[in-house]
């Protein structure tokens, strides 16, 4: 009676180990560095940090969801639309 549940757990464990963890690790490494991008609201270059952990976790279910963790125009522009991220996605 317990054998089917062990099989399902083993399949899920292998999926985590060989699919989700490498995908999340790759995405984390891709977005962990600071980037210099053009801010569309300030019309100047901005140094930003992308939330790499959020991008890594979201990449396991589809395209990574990007959000700015820190920007050199903050706190003045804290509520911006983060339009600079469209440039960073490539």
Protein backbone atom coordinates (compact mmCIF):
# COMPACT_ATOMS: atom_id res chain seq x y z
CA UNK A 1 0.00 0.00 0.00
CA UNK A 2 2.87 2.39 0.71
CA UNK A 3 4.86 1.46 -2.43
CA UNK A 4 3.01 3.81 -4.85
CA UNK A 5 3.68 6.79 -2.56
CA UNK A 6 7.37 5.93 -2.34
CA UNK A 7 7.53 5.77 -6.14
CA UNK A 8 5.80 9.15 -6.51
CA UNK A 9 8.12 10.69 -3.90
CA UNK A 10 11.17 9.27 -5.67
CA UNK A 11 10.04 10.69 -9.03
CA UNK A 12 9.42 14.11 -7.49
CA UNK A 13 12.80 14.01 -5.75
CA UNK A 14 14.58 13.19 -8.98
CA UNK A 15 12.73 15.97 -10.79
CA UNK A 16 13.85 18.44 -8.14
CA UNK A 17 17.42 17.20 -8.24
CA UNK A 18 17.93 17.01 -12.00
CA UNK A 19 15.57 19.67 -13.38
CA UNK A 20 14.52 22.36 -10.93
CA UNK A 21 17.74 22.84 -8.93
CA UNK A 22 20.04 23.23 -11.97
CA UNK A 23 17.56 25.58 -13.63
CA UNK A 24 17.25 27.72 -10.51
CA UNK A 25 21.03 27.74 -9.97
CA UNK A 26 21.66 28.86 -13.55
CA UNK A 27 19.10 31.67 -13.29
CA UNK A 28 20.51 32.78 -9.93
CA UNK A 29 24.02 33.02 -11.35
CA UNK A 30 22.78 34.91 -14.38
CA UNK A 31 21.06 37.67 -12.37
CA UNK A 32 23.21 37.96 -9.22
CA UNK A 33 25.66 40.56 -10.54
CA UNK A 34 25.05 44.32 -10.57
CA UNK A 35 24.03 45.71 -13.95
CA UNK A 36 24.30 49.12 -15.50
CA UNK A 37 21.16 49.87 -17.51
CA UNK A 38 19.45 52.91 -18.90
CA UNK A 39 16.64 54.16 -16.67
CA UNK A 40 13.70 55.19 -18.87
CA UNK A 41 12.35 57.59 -16.24
CA UNK A 42 15.63 59.39 -15.46
CA UNK A 43 17.08 59.07 -19.00
CA UNK A 44 20.42 58.19 -17.41
CA UNK A 45 22.44 55.10 -16.59
CA UNK A 46 21.41 53.31 -13.42
CA UNK A 47 23.26 50.66 -11.44
CA UNK A 48 20.75 48.03 -10.32
CA UNK A 49 20.67 44.73 -8.48
CA UNK A 50 18.07 42.25 -9.66
CA UNK A 51 16.45 40.04 -7.02
CA UNK A 52 18.25 36.86 -8.11
CA UNK A 53 16.55 34.55 -5.60
CA UNK A 54 13.09 35.61 -6.77
CA UNK A 55 14.12 35.16 -10.41
CA UNK A 56 15.58 31.71 -9.67
CA UNK A 57 12.49 30.43 -7.88
CA UNK A 58 10.14 31.81 -10.51
CA UNK A 59 12.20 30.28 -13.34
CA UNK A 60 11.26 26.78 -12.17
CA UNK A 61 7.68 27.29 -13.37
CA UNK A 62 8.29 29.40 -16.48
CA UNK A 63 10.03 32.56 -17.58
CA UNK A 64 11.96 34.22 -14.72
CA UNK A 65 10.04 37.05 -13.08
CA UNK A 66 12.42 39.97 -12.62
CA UNK A 67 12.23 42.73 -10.04
CA UNK A 68 14.75 45.29 -8.88
CA UNK A 69 16.21 44.68 -5.43
CA UNK A 70 18.30 47.86 -5.31
CA UNK A 71 18.93 50.86 -7.57
CA UNK A 72 21.21 53.86 -7.25
CA UNK A 73 18.22 56.18 -7.94
CA UNK A 74 16.40 54.87 -4.87
CA UNK A 75 14.95 56.04 -2.47
CA UNK A 76 13.98 59.02 -4.66
CA UNK A 77 12.51 56.74 -7.36
CA UNK A 78 11.50 53.79 -5.14
CA UNK A 79 8.03 53.42 -6.69
CA UNK A 80 9.17 53.35 -10.31
CA UNK A 81 7.73 50.95 -12.91
CA UNK A 82 11.12 49.21 -13.32
CA UNK A 83 11.11 49.67 -17.08
CA UNK A 84 14.87 49.13 -17.12
CA UNK A 85 14.24 45.41 -16.62
CA UNK A 86 13.00 44.98 -20.19
CA UNK A 87 16.55 45.77 -21.31
CA UNK A 88 18.02 43.32 -18.78
CA UNK A 89 15.89 40.33 -19.82
CA UNK A 90 17.99 39.70 -22.91
